[in-house]
Amino acid sequence: MPGIFQRIAMVFRSKADKALNKVEDPRETLDYSYQRQLDLLQKVRRGVADVATSRKRVELQANQLNNELEKLSLSAQRALEHGREDLAREALTRKSGLQQQLGDLQTQHAQLQGEEEKLIRASTRLQAKVDAFRTRKETIKATYTAAEAQTRINEAFTGISEEMGDVGLAVQRAEDKALQMQARAGAVDELLASGALEDSSGSYKDDITRELDAMASDASVESELTAMKAQPTAGAERTAALEAGDAEASAAPAAEQTMSEEPTEEQQ
């Protein structure tokens, strides 16, 4: 039974680790670690402040005891001057007790001062480590962000990205359709050129038809030009006839004018 429970626990741990690795963002983890270090640094600084406060309090108590000791010394001196040895002894007894307290305070002050120095050194070292971690954290975050962006772009172009796979497939489909349309247009052009298909508008002619039409047009031009060259006389006669007709048309008005100028028999 223990073996079964261990295996079940291992399976659950492996599943949990896999789920955590899938949802974990290293940048968030780094920021959280940095915040924890800042909290620790803040605690150390508060500890330094607390120790410094305790040290200062001990110093004040020690100053008060020193003032009391001086007062007791003066009181003992005055008592002796007035012949009161008993009062002088009492003052010195109290002074001895205060000196013992002052010694304890001085020992405590030395310990607090040493502890304060240790905390200050620890705070300085911790501050340096936090600063170094912050620089490294930002570098790692920038590197991770750039690598993540490049990975997504590469996956998008290769079509293996889960988020941008549809975009890659859409681009591929568009390219396939464009190639298919180009191939279809080329095939239709070849079929029309070969005469296998006819243009329903009648405006399309294949290469052979165009070449035959051009040859027929050239032959017609050459035939008409040869015929015109073979009949130069007929052309000249038509030109002379046209000129004679023009001359007769010009002479008729002149003759009518001469006849009108000659005198009649009645006039003679």
Protein backbone atom coordinates (compact mmCIF):
# COMPACT_ATOMS: atom_id res chain seq x y z
CA MET A 1 0.00 0.00 0.00
CA PRO A 2 2.71 2.56 0.83
CA GLY A 3 4.17 2.00 -2.64
CA ILE A 4 0.83 2.75 -4.29
CA PHE A 5 0.36 5.96 -2.31
CA GLN A 6 3.88 7.08 -3.16
CA ARG A 7 3.23 6.49 -6.85
CA ILE A 8 -0.06 8.40 -6.66
CA ALA A 9 1.66 11.29 -4.89
CA MET A 10 4.42 11.30 -7.52
CA VAL A 11 1.84 11.39 -10.32
CA PHE A 12 0.04 14.32 -8.71
CA ARG A 13 3.30 16.17 -8.17
CA SER A 14 4.36 15.62 -11.77
CA LYS A 15 0.97 16.83 -13.02
CA ALA A 16 1.17 19.87 -10.77
CA ASP A 17 4.71 20.67 -11.90
CA LYS A 18 3.69 20.40 -15.54
CA ALA A 19 0.70 22.69 -15.00
CA LEU A 20 2.84 25.20 -13.10
CA ASN A 21 5.52 25.19 -15.77
CA LYS A 22 2.86 25.88 -18.41
CA VAL A 23 1.33 28.89 -16.65
CA GLU A 24 4.51 30.23 -15.03
CA ASP A 25 5.92 33.45 -16.48
CA PRO A 26 9.65 33.84 -15.66
CA ARG A 27 9.29 37.62 -15.71
CA GLU A 28 6.63 37.52 -12.98
CA THR A 29 8.75 35.11 -10.96
CA LEU A 30 11.76 37.42 -11.20
CA ASP A 31 9.70 40.42 -10.16
CA TYR A 32 8.32 38.49 -7.19
CA SER A 33 11.82 37.42 -6.11
CA TYR A 34 13.03 41.00 -6.42
CA GLN A 35 10.14 42.21 -4.27
CA ARG A 36 10.97 39.60 -1.61
CA GLN A 37 14.55 40.81 -1.53
CA LEU A 38 13.37 44.40 -1.16
CA ASP A 39 11.18 43.34 1.75
CA LEU A 40 14.13 41.60 3.39
CA LEU A 41 16.31 44.67 2.88
CA GLN A 42 13.62 46.82 4.44
CA LYS A 43 13.50 44.52 7.47
CA VAL A 44 17.27 44.73 7.89
CA ARG A 45 17.11 48.51 7.71
CA ARG A 46 14.35 48.56 10.31
CA GLY A 47 16.55 46.32 12.49
CA VAL A 48 19.42 48.78 12.13
CA ALA A 49 17.11 51.60 13.14
CA ASP A 50 15.80 49.64 16.17
CA VAL A 51 19.32 48.76 17.37
CA ALA A 52 20.44 52.35 16.90
CA THR A 53 17.45 53.52 18.94
CA SER A 54 18.28 51.08 21.74
CA ARG A 55 21.91 52.18 21.70
CA LYS A 56 20.88 55.81 21.94
CA ARG A 57 18.56 55.04 24.86
CA VAL A 58 21.40 53.29 26.71
CA GLU A 59 23.64 56.29 26.07
CA LEU A 60 21.02 58.59 27.61
CA GLN A 61 20.68 56.32 30.64
CA ALA A 62 24.45 56.22 31.03
CA ASN A 63 24.61 60.02 30.91
CA GLN A 64 21.95 60.23 33.61
CA LEU A 65 23.89 57.78 35.78
CA ASN A 66 27.05 59.79 35.31
CA ASN A 67 25.20 62.89 36.46
CA GLU A 68 23.89 60.98 39.50
CA LEU A 69 27.38 59.73 40.31
CA GLU A 70 28.75 63.25 40.24
CA LYS A 71 25.95 64.42 42.50
CA LEU A 72 26.58 61.60 44.98
CA SER A 73 30.29 62.38 45.01
CA LEU A 74 29.55 66.02 45.83
CA SER A 75 27.02 64.97 48.47
CA ALA A 76 29.58 62.67 50.17
CA GLN A 77 32.16 65.45 50.13
CA ARG A 78 29.79 67.93 51.70
CA ALA A 79 28.72 65.41 54.36
CA LEU A 80 32.33 64.90 55.39
CA GLU A 81 32.84 68.61 55.52
CA HIS A 82 29.92 68.88 57.93
CA GLY A 83 31.13 65.93 60.01
CA ARG A 84 28.41 63.62 58.84
CA GLU A 85 30.41 60.54 58.02
CA ASP A 86 27.34 58.37 58.04
CA LEU A 87 25.72 60.43 55.29
CA ALA A 88 28.95 60.39 53.33
CA ARG A 89 29.08 56.59 53.63
CA GLU A 90 25.49 56.29 52.45
CA ALA A 91 26.16 58.53 49.45
CA LEU A 92 29.22 56.49 48.51
CA THR A 93 27.23 53.27 48.88
CA ARG A 94 24.62 54.52 46.48
CA LYS A 95 27.37 55.70 44.18
CA SER A 96 28.83 52.22 44.14
CA GLY A 97 25.48 50.71 43.13
CA LEU A 98 25.07 53.29 40.35
CA GLN A 99 28.58 52.58 39.12
CA GLN A 100 27.69 48.92 38.82
CA GLN A 101 24.59 49.87 36.80
CA LEU A 102 26.71 52.17 34.67
CA GLY A 103 29.10 49.33 33.98
CA ASP A 104 26.20 47.14 32.85
CA LEU A 105 24.93 49.94 30.61
CA GLN A 106 28.36 50.40 29.08
CA THR A 107 28.57 46.68 28.36
CA GLN A 108 25.10 46.75 26.85
CA HIS A 109 26.03 49.82 24.80
CA ALA A 110 29.10 48.09 23.40
CA GLN A 111 27.02 45.06 22.43
CA LEU A 112 24.38 47.21 20.77
CA GLN A 113 27.01 49.19 18.92
CA GLY A 114 28.61 46.00 17.64
CA GLU A 115 25.22 44.64 16.58
CA GLU A 116 24.46 47.90 14.84
CA GLU A 117 27.70 47.77 12.89
CA LYS A 118 27.00 44.19 11.84
CA LEU A 119 23.52 45.10 10.63
CA ILE A 120 24.87 48.10 8.74
CA ARG A 121 27.42 45.90 6.96
CA ALA A 122 24.74 43.30 6.23
CA SER A 123 22.43 46.00 4.90
CA THR A 124 25.19 47.33 2.65
CA ARG A 125 25.97 43.87 1.26
CA LEU A 126 22.30 43.09 0.82
CA GLN A 127 21.75 46.40 -0.96
CA ALA A 128 24.57 45.58 -3.39
CA LYS A 129 23.08 42.11 -4.03
CA VAL A 130 19.61 43.57 -4.59
CA ASP A 131 21.00 46.11 -7.07
CA ALA A 132 22.90 43.38 -8.92
CA PHE A 133 19.81 41.16 -8.96
CA ARG A 134 17.69 44.02 -10.30
CA THR A 135 20.12 44.56 -13.20
CA ARG A 136 20.27 40.84 -13.94
CA LYS A 137 16.47 40.59 -13.63
CA GLU A 138 15.87 43.32 -16.20
CA THR A 139 18.42 41.76 -18.55
CA ILE A 140 16.80 38.34 -18.27
CA LYS A 141 13.31 39.82 -18.76
CA ALA A 142 14.41 41.73 -21.88
CA THR A 143 16.12 38.63 -23.29
CA TYR A 144 13.06 36.48 -22.57
CA THR A 145 10.69 39.01 -24.14
CA ALA A 146 12.80 39.28 -27.29
CA ALA A 147 13.15 35.51 -27.56
CA GLU A 148 9.41 35.06 -27.01
CA ALA A 149 8.57 37.57 -29.75
CA GLN A 150 11.02 36.01 -32.20
CA THR A 151 9.70 32.53 -31.42
CA ARG A 152 6.11 33.61 -32.07
CA ILE A 153 7.12 35.26 -35.36
CA ASN A 154 9.03 32.18 -36.48
CA GLU A 155 6.17 29.90 -35.49
CA ALA A 156 3.73 32.14 -37.33
CA PHE A 157 5.78 31.99 -40.52
CA THR A 158 6.26 28.24 -40.24
CA GLY A 159 2.60 27.68 -39.37
CA ILE A 160 3.22 25.79 -36.13
CA SER A 161 2.07 28.49 -33.75
CA GLU A 162 -1.13 27.79 -31.84
CA GLU A 163 -2.06 31.47 -31.67
CA MET A 164 -1.08 32.52 -35.20
CA GLY A 165 -1.51 29.24 -37.03
CA ASP A 166 -4.71 30.51 -38.64
CA VAL A 167 -2.84 33.50 -40.03
CA GLY A 168 -0.22 31.26 -41.58
CA LEU A 169 -2.88 29.02 -43.09
CA ALA A 170 -4.74 32.03 -44.50
CA VAL A 171 -1.57 33.30 -46.15
CA GLN A 172 -0.87 29.85 -47.57
CA ARG A 173 -4.43 29.56 -48.94
CA ALA A 174 -4.16 33.00 -50.55
CA GLU A 175 -0.87 32.05 -52.22
CA ASP A 176 -2.34 28.77 -53.46
CA LYS A 177 -5.36 30.57 -54.94
CA ALA A 178 -3.15 33.14 -56.64
CA LEU A 179 -0.98 30.42 -58.17
CA GLN A 180 -4.08 28.52 -59.26
CA MET A 181 -5.53 31.59 -61.01
CA GLN A 182 -2.21 32.31 -62.72
CA ALA A 183 -2.02 28.71 -63.94
CA ARG A 184 -5.62 28.83 -65.19
CA ALA A 185 -5.04 32.10 -67.06
CA GLY A 186 -1.91 30.71 -68.69
CA ALA A 187 -3.70 27.53 -69.73
CA VAL A 188 -6.57 29.48 -71.31
CA ASP A 189 -4.12 31.65 -73.22
CA GLU A 190 -2.35 28.57 -74.55
CA LEU A 191 -5.65 26.96 -75.60
CA LEU A 192 -6.78 30.12 -77.38
CA ALA A 193 -3.44 30.48 -79.12
CA SER A 194 -3.54 26.89 -80.33
CA GLY A 195 -7.13 27.23 -81.57
CA ALA A 196 -8.47 24.58 -79.25
CA LEU A 197 -10.82 27.21 -77.81
CA GLU A 198 -12.65 29.97 -79.68
CA ASP A 199 -13.24 33.49 -78.44
CA SER A 200 -17.03 33.97 -78.22
CA SER A 201 -16.69 37.69 -78.98
CA GLY A 202 -14.94 36.95 -82.29
CA SER A 203 -12.20 39.43 -81.50
CA TYR A 204 -9.57 36.87 -80.65
CA LYS A 205 -7.42 35.32 -83.40
CA ASP A 206 -4.66 32.84 -83.00
CA ASP A 207 -1.13 33.40 -84.24
CA ILE A 208 -1.62 31.54 -87.55
CA THR A 209 -4.80 33.48 -88.39
CA ARG A 210 -3.16 36.79 -87.65
CA GLU A 211 -0.17 35.88 -89.81
CA LEU A 212 -2.41 34.81 -92.75
CA ASP A 213 -4.46 38.02 -92.50
CA ALA A 214 -1.29 40.09 -92.54
CA MET A 215 0.00 38.24 -95.63
CA ALA A 216 -3.35 38.76 -97.45
CA SER A 217 -3.31 42.47 -96.65
CA ASP A 218 0.23 42.85 -97.96
CA ALA A 219 -0.65 40.94 -101.16
CA SER A 220 -3.67 43.18 -101.80
CA VAL A 221 -1.58 46.33 -101.42
CA GLU A 222 1.11 45.03 -103.75
CA SER A 223 -1.48 43.96 -106.37
CA GLU A 224 -3.16 47.36 -106.38
CA LEU A 225 0.18 49.14 -106.65
CA THR A 226 1.25 46.94 -109.62
CA ALA A 227 -2.03 47.65 -111.41
CA MET A 228 -1.59 51.36 -110.99
CA LYS A 229 1.95 51.18 -112.39
CA ALA A 230 0.78 49.15 -115.44
CA GLN A 231 -1.72 51.85 -116.59
CA PRO A 232 0.24 55.13 -116.96
CA THR A 233 -1.44 56.10 -120.35
CA ALA A 234 -4.93 55.80 -119.09
CA GLY A 235 -4.00 58.01 -116.26
CA ALA A 236 -2.51 60.62 -118.57
CA GLU A 237 -5.59 60.58 -120.85
CA ARG A 238 -7.87 61.10 -117.93
CA THR A 239 -5.70 64.02 -116.81
CA ALA A 240 -5.76 65.62 -120.38
CA ALA A 241 -9.51 65.23 -120.60
CA LEU A 242 -9.97 66.91 -117.33
CA GLU A 243 -7.72 69.79 -118.43
CA ALA A 244 -9.58 70.17 -121.82
CA GLY A 245 -12.90 70.31 -120.08
CA ASP A 246 -11.64 73.04 -117.85
CA ALA A 247 -10.39 75.05 -120.91
CA GLU A 248 -13.74 74.79 -122.75
CA ALA A 249 -15.55 75.90 -119.64
CA SER A 250 -13.31 78.96 -119.50
CA ALA A 251 -13.67 79.83 -123.31
CA ALA A 252 -17.49 79.77 -123.42
CA PRO A 253 -18.03 82.91 -121.36
CA ALA A 254 -15.41 84.81 -123.43
CA ALA A 255 -17.15 84.01 -126.79
CA GLU A 256 -20.51 85.14 -125.47
CA GLN A 257 -18.98 88.43 -124.39
CA THR A 258 -17.45 89.05 -127.96
CA MET A 259 -20.74 88.42 -129.72
CA SER A 260 -22.49 90.89 -127.53
CA GLU A 261 -19.98 93.64 -128.46
CA GLU A 262 -20.45 93.34 -132.39
CA PRO A 263 -22.94 96.00 -134.04
CA THR A 264 -26.19 94.80 -135.51
CA GLU A 265 -27.53 95.75 -139.09
CA GLU A 266 -30.09 98.14 -137.69
CA GLN A 267 -27.35 100.02 -135.89
CA GLN A 268 -25.37 100.33 -139.15
